[in-house]
Structure formats: C-alpha cells, structure tokens
PDB file of all heavy atoms in Angstrom:
ATOM      1  N   ALA A   1     114.362  68.388 112.311  1.00  0.00           N
ATOM      2  CA  ALA A   1     115.642  67.839 111.841  1.00  0.00           C
ATOM      3  C   ALA A   1     116.750  68.175 112.828  1.00  0.00           C
ATOM      4  O   ALA A   1     116.814  69.200 113.478  1.00  0.00           O
ATOM      5  CB  ALA A   1     115.942  68.455 110.493  1.00  0.00           C
ATOM      6  N   VAL A   2     117.768  67.314 112.859  1.00  0.00           N
ATOM      7  CA  VAL A   2     118.959  67.526 113.699  1.00  0.00           C
ATOM      8  C   VAL A   2     120.118  67.497 112.711  1.00  0.00           C
ATOM      9  O   VAL A   2     120.355  66.487 112.022  1.00  0.00           O
ATOM     10  CB  VAL A   2     119.166  66.457 114.752  1.00  0.00           C
ATOM     11  CG1 VAL A   2     120.417  66.693 115.462  1.00  0.00           C
ATOM     12  CG2 VAL A   2     117.952  66.370 115.694  1.00  0.00           C
ATOM     13  N   HIS A   3     120.828  68.614 112.639  1.00  0.00           N
ATOM     14  CA  HIS A   3     121.976  68.815 111.665  1.00  0.00           C
ATOM     15  C   HIS A   3     123.245  68.599 112.428  1.00  0.00           C
ATOM     16  O   HIS A   3     123.410  68.774 113.696  1.00  0.00           O
ATOM     17  CB  HIS A   3     121.928  70.170 111.067  1.00  0.00           C
ATOM     18  CG  HIS A   3     120.583  70.447 110.354  1.00  0.00           C
ATOM     19  ND1 HIS A   3     120.288  69.859 109.073  1.00  0.00           N
ATOM     20  CD2 HIS A   3     119.502  71.181 110.674  1.00  0.00           C
ATOM     21  CE1 HIS A   3     119.098  70.282 108.669  1.00  0.00           C
ATOM     22  NE2 HIS A   3     118.622  71.111 109.608  1.00  0.00           N
ATOM     23  N   ALA A   4     124.346  68.397 111.628  1.00  0.00           N
ATOM     24  CA  ALA A   4     125.667  68.244 112.256  1.00  0.00           C
ATOM     25  C   ALA A   4     126.068  69.593 112.831  1.00  0.00           C
ATOM     26  O   ALA A   4     126.819  69.620 113.877  1.00  0.00           O
ATOM     27  CB  ALA A   4     126.649  67.867 111.134  1.00  0.00           C
ATOM     28  N   ARG A   5     125.752  70.733 112.155  1.00  0.00           N
ATOM     29  CA  ARG A   5     126.074  72.014 112.706  1.00  0.00           C
ATOM     30  C   ARG A   5     125.029  72.429 113.731  1.00  0.00           C
ATOM     31  O   ARG A   5     123.852  72.301 113.528  1.00  0.00           O
ATOM     32  CB  ARG A   5     126.148  73.085 111.578  1.00  0.00           C
ATOM     33  CG  ARG A   5     127.171  72.822 110.541  1.00  0.00           C
ATOM     34  CD  ARG A   5     127.181  74.007 109.530  1.00  0.00           C
ATOM     35  NE  ARG A   5     127.609  75.206 110.212  1.00  0.00           N
ATOM     36  CZ  ARG A   5     127.685  76.367 109.527  1.00  0.00           C
ATOM     37  NH1 ARG A   5     127.263  76.490 108.257  1.00  0.00           N
ATOM     38  NH2 ARG A   5     128.130  77.459 110.145  1.00  0.00           N
ATOM     39  N   HIS A   6     125.459  72.891 114.949  1.00  0.00           N
ATOM     40  CA  HIS A   6     124.481  73.263 115.944  1.00  0.00           C
ATOM     41  C   HIS A   6     124.992  74.633 116.661  1.00  0.00           C
ATOM     42  O   HIS A   6     126.165  74.788 116.842  1.00  0.00           O
ATOM     43  CB  HIS A   6     124.213  72.168 116.917  1.00  0.00           C
ATOM     44  CG  HIS A   6     125.394  71.746 117.776  1.00  0.00           C
ATOM     45  ND1 HIS A   6     126.343  70.878 117.297  1.00  0.00           N
ATOM     46  CD2 HIS A   6     125.713  72.053 119.073  1.00  0.00           C
ATOM     47  CE1 HIS A   6     127.263  70.687 118.258  1.00  0.00           C
ATOM     48  NE2 HIS A   6     126.906  71.383 119.333  1.00  0.00           N
ATOM     49  N   MET A   7     124.020  75.355 117.085  1.00  0.00           N
ATOM     50  CA  MET A   7     124.308  76.564 117.796  1.00  0.00           C
ATOM     51  C   MET A   7     123.316  76.727 118.920  1.00  0.00           C
ATOM     52  O   MET A   7     122.222  76.148 118.901  1.00  0.00           O
ATOM     53  CB  MET A   7     124.187  77.786 116.883  1.00  0.00           C
ATOM     54  CG  MET A   7     125.124  77.777 115.701  1.00  0.00           C
ATOM     55  SD  MET A   7     124.933  79.244 114.595  1.00  0.00           S
ATOM     56  CE  MET A   7     126.110  78.891 113.391  1.00  0.00           C
ATOM     57  N   LEU A   8     123.695  77.430 119.979  1.00  0.00           N
ATOM     58  CA  LEU A   8     122.817  77.738 121.098  1.00  0.00           C
ATOM     59  C   LEU A   8     122.068  79.054 120.824  1.00  0.00           C
ATOM     60  O   LEU A   8     122.553  79.943 120.069  1.00  0.00           O
ATOM     61  CB  LEU A   8     123.660  77.872 122.347  1.00  0.00           C
ATOM     62  CG  LEU A   8     124.135  76.590 122.975  1.00  0.00           C
ATOM     63  CD1 LEU A   8     125.243  76.863 124.038  1.00  0.00           C
ATOM     64  CD2 LEU A   8     122.993  75.775 123.694  1.00  0.00           C
ATOM     65  N   VAL A   9     120.939  79.166 121.532  1.00  0.00           N
ATOM     66  CA  VAL A   9     120.207  80.477 121.442  1.00  0.00           C
ATOM     67  C   VAL A   9     119.814  80.913 122.884  1.00  0.00           C
ATOM     68  O   VAL A   9     119.504  80.093 123.703  1.00  0.00           O
ATOM     69  CB  VAL A   9     118.900  80.378 120.593  1.00  0.00           C
ATOM     70  CG1 VAL A   9     117.936  79.361 121.145  1.00  0.00           C
ATOM     71  CG2 VAL A   9     118.291  81.681 120.339  1.00  0.00           C
ATOM     72  N   LEU A  10     119.944  82.186 123.126  1.00  0.00           N
ATOM     73  CA  LEU A  10     119.521  82.728 124.390  1.00  0.00           C
ATOM     74  C   LEU A  10     118.021  82.989 124.279  1.00  0.00           C
ATOM     75  O   LEU A  10     117.571  83.712 123.415  1.00  0.00           O
ATOM     76  CB  LEU A  10     120.284  84.035 124.660  1.00  0.00           C
ATOM     77  CG  LEU A  10     119.804  84.772 125.899  1.00  0.00           C
ATOM     78  CD1 LEU A  10     120.211  84.016 127.178  1.00  0.00           C
ATOM     79  CD2 LEU A  10     120.288  86.227 125.998  1.00  0.00           C
ATOM     80  N   ASP A  11     117.235  82.319 125.193  1.00  0.00           N
ATOM     81  CA  ASP A  11     115.826  82.525 125.143  1.00  0.00           C
ATOM     82  C   ASP A  11     115.419  83.881 125.746  1.00  0.00           C
ATOM     83  O   ASP A  11     114.489  84.480 125.240  1.00  0.00           O
ATOM     84  CB  ASP A  11     115.117  81.390 125.979  1.00  0.00           C
ATOM     85  CG  ASP A  11     115.187  80.030 125.360  1.00  0.00           C
ATOM     86  OD1 ASP A  11     115.092  80.012 124.123  1.00  0.00           O
ATOM     87  OD2 ASP A  11     115.378  79.076 126.128  1.00  0.00           O
ATOM     88  N   GLY A  12     116.187  84.417 126.698  1.00  0.00           N
ATOM     89  CA  GLY A  12     115.881  85.649 127.369  1.00  0.00           C
ATOM     90  C   GLY A  12     114.774  85.590 128.352  1.00  0.00           C
ATOM     91  O   GLY A  12     114.310  84.488 128.669  1.00  0.00           O
ATOM     92  N   CYS A  13     114.387  86.748 128.901  1.00  0.00           N
ATOM     93  CA  CYS A  13     113.409  86.790 129.972  1.00  0.00           C
ATOM     94  C   CYS A  13     111.997  87.162 129.544  1.00  0.00           C
ATOM     95  O   CYS A  13     111.046  86.492 129.863  1.00  0.00           O
ATOM     96  CB  CYS A  13     113.903  87.650 131.103  1.00  0.00           C
ATOM     97  SG  CYS A  13     114.620  89.198 130.600  1.00  0.00           S
ATOM     98  N   VAL A  14     111.852  88.242 128.800  1.00  0.00           N
ATOM     99  CA  VAL A  14     110.493  88.692 128.419  1.00  0.00           C
ATOM    100  C   VAL A  14     110.103  88.160 127.055  1.00  0.00           C
ATOM    101  O   VAL A  14     108.937  88.075 126.738  1.00  0.00           O
ATOM    102  CB  VAL A  14     110.388  90.230 128.466  1.00  0.00           C
ATOM    103  CG1 VAL A  14     110.711  90.745 129.819  1.00  0.00           C
ATOM    104  CG2 VAL A  14     111.234  90.902 127.451  1.00  0.00           C
ATOM    105  N   GLN A  15     111.126  87.897 126.172  1.00  0.00           N
ATOM    106  CA  GLN A  15     110.780  87.533 124.782  1.00  0.00           C
ATOM    107  C   GLN A  15     110.002  86.221 124.680  1.00  0.00           C
ATOM    108  O   GLN A  15     109.087  86.160 123.818  1.00  0.00           O
ATOM    109  CB  GLN A  15     112.135  87.424 124.001  1.00  0.00           C
ATOM    110  CG  GLN A  15     111.881  87.293 122.471  1.00  0.00           C
ATOM    111  CD  GLN A  15     113.137  87.565 121.726  1.00  0.00           C
ATOM    112  OE1 GLN A  15     113.583  88.742 121.575  1.00  0.00           O
ATOM    113  NE2 GLN A  15     113.736  86.558 121.136  1.00  0.00           N
ATOM    114  N   PRO A  16     110.249  85.247 125.511  1.00  0.00           N
ATOM    115  CA  PRO A  16     109.453  83.959 125.304  1.00  0.00           C
ATOM    116  C   PRO A  16     107.963  84.162 125.483  1.00  0.00           C
ATOM    117  O   PRO A  16     107.216  83.434 124.823  1.00  0.00           O
ATOM    118  CB  PRO A  16     109.962  83.063 126.469  1.00  0.00           C
ATOM    119  CG  PRO A  16     111.375  83.509 126.665  1.00  0.00           C
ATOM    120  CD  PRO A  16     111.282  84.960 126.497  1.00  0.00           C
ATOM    121  N   SER A  17     107.501  85.069 126.253  1.00  0.00           N
ATOM    122  CA  SER A  17     106.073  85.259 126.434  1.00  0.00           C
ATOM    123  C   SER A  17     105.514  86.416 125.696  1.00  0.00           C
ATOM    124  O   SER A  17     104.365  86.420 125.161  1.00  0.00           O
ATOM    125  CB  SER A  17     105.686  85.476 127.895  1.00  0.00           C
ATOM    126  OG  SER A  17     106.451  86.580 128.436  1.00  0.00           O
ATOM    127  N   MET A  18     106.341  87.424 125.376  1.00  0.00           N
ATOM    128  CA  MET A  18     105.879  88.646 124.686  1.00  0.00           C
ATOM    129  C   MET A  18     106.058  88.566 123.178  1.00  0.00           C
ATOM    130  O   MET A  18     105.273  89.143 122.373  1.00  0.00           O
ATOM    131  CB  MET A  18     106.625  89.868 125.159  1.00  0.00           C
ATOM    132  CG  MET A  18     106.283  90.204 126.654  1.00  0.00           C
ATOM    133  SD  MET A  18     106.995  91.774 127.168  1.00  0.00           S
ATOM    134  CE  MET A  18     106.352  91.898 128.845  1.00  0.00           C
ATOM    135  N   ALA A  19     107.080  87.810 122.708  1.00  0.00           N
ATOM    136  CA  ALA A  19     107.331  87.658 121.249  1.00  0.00           C
ATOM    137  C   ALA A  19     107.875  86.247 120.997  1.00  0.00           C
ATOM    138  O   ALA A  19     109.013  86.139 120.504  1.00  0.00           O
ATOM    139  CB  ALA A  19     108.240  88.741 120.763  1.00  0.00           C
ATOM    140  N   PRO A  20     107.099  85.220 121.253  1.00  0.00           N
ATOM    141  CA  PRO A  20     107.587  83.842 121.154  1.00  0.00           C
ATOM    142  C   PRO A  20     107.949  83.427 119.749  1.00  0.00           C
ATOM    143  O   PRO A  20     108.671  82.444 119.518  1.00  0.00           O
ATOM    144  CB  PRO A  20     106.498  82.982 121.658  1.00  0.00           C
ATOM    145  CG  PRO A  20     105.223  83.777 121.525  1.00  0.00           C
ATOM    146  CD  PRO A  20     105.674  85.220 121.758  1.00  0.00           C
ATOM    147  N   ALA A  21     107.385  84.187 118.737  1.00  0.00           N
ATOM    148  CA  ALA A  21     107.645  83.775 117.329  1.00  0.00           C
ATOM    149  C   ALA A  21     109.132  84.028 116.946  1.00  0.00           C
ATOM    150  O   ALA A  21     109.585  83.456 115.971  1.00  0.00           O
ATOM    151  CB  ALA A  21     106.680  84.545 116.379  1.00  0.00           C
ATOM    152  N   THR A  22     109.774  84.971 117.606  1.00  0.00           N
ATOM    153  CA  THR A  22     111.151  85.392 117.160  1.00  0.00           C
ATOM    154  C   THR A  22     112.111  84.253 117.110  1.00  0.00           C
ATOM    155  O   THR A  22     112.740  83.983 116.100  1.00  0.00           O
ATOM    156  CB  THR A  22     111.662  86.527 117.983  1.00  0.00           C
ATOM    157  OG1 THR A  22     110.707  87.622 117.933  1.00  0.00           O
ATOM    158  CG2 THR A  22     112.991  86.992 117.571  1.00  0.00           C
ATOM    159  N   ASN A  23     112.274  83.581 118.301  1.00  0.00           N
ATOM    160  CA  ASN A  23     113.312  82.475 118.288  1.00  0.00           C
ATOM    161  C   ASN A  23     112.855  81.274 117.463  1.00  0.00           C
ATOM    162  O   ASN A  23     113.759  80.600 116.922  1.00  0.00           O
ATOM    163  CB  ASN A  23     113.576  82.108 119.725  1.00  0.00           C
ATOM    164  CG  ASN A  23     114.624  83.036 120.373  1.00  0.00           C
ATOM    165  OD1 ASN A  23     115.160  83.997 119.758  1.00  0.00           O
ATOM    166  ND2 ASN A  23     114.913  82.852 121.633  1.00  0.00           N
ATOM    167  N   VAL A  24     111.571  81.053 117.415  1.00  0.00           N
ATOM    168  CA  VAL A  24     111.135  79.945 116.572  1.00  0.00           C
ATOM    169  C   VAL A  24     111.366  80.264 115.108  1.00  0.00           C
ATOM    170  O   VAL A  24     111.853  79.327 114.318  1.00  0.00           O
ATOM    171  CB  VAL A  24     109.608  79.705 116.763  1.00  0.00           C
ATOM    172  CG1 VAL A  24     109.089  78.601 115.837  1.00  0.00           C
ATOM    173  CG2 VAL A  24     109.340  79.294 118.208  1.00  0.00           C
ATOM    174  N   SER A  25     111.210  81.484 114.670  1.00  0.00           N
ATOM    175  CA  SER A  25     111.529  81.885 113.334  1.00  0.00           C
ATOM    176  C   SER A  25     112.975  81.732 113.059  1.00  0.00           C
ATOM    177  O   SER A  25     113.415  81.287 112.027  1.00  0.00           O
ATOM    178  CB  SER A  25     111.103  83.302 113.070  1.00  0.00           C
ATOM    179  OG  SER A  25     109.715  83.419 112.973  1.00  0.00           O
TER     180      SER A  25
END
C-alpha cells in the first residue's frame, strides 16, 4: 500500500544483511 503519509528510513550498513527483518517489520 502507498499512503498519503510517508517517511524515510535509514537502511544502514550492517543491518540489511545481519538483521534484515528489522526495517521490514
């Protein structure tokens, strides 16, 4: 879904591979 309200998220450097569930959650 695409909502009217939107925010950015910092993916970071180690988190995408070491804990990818965090930002998806």
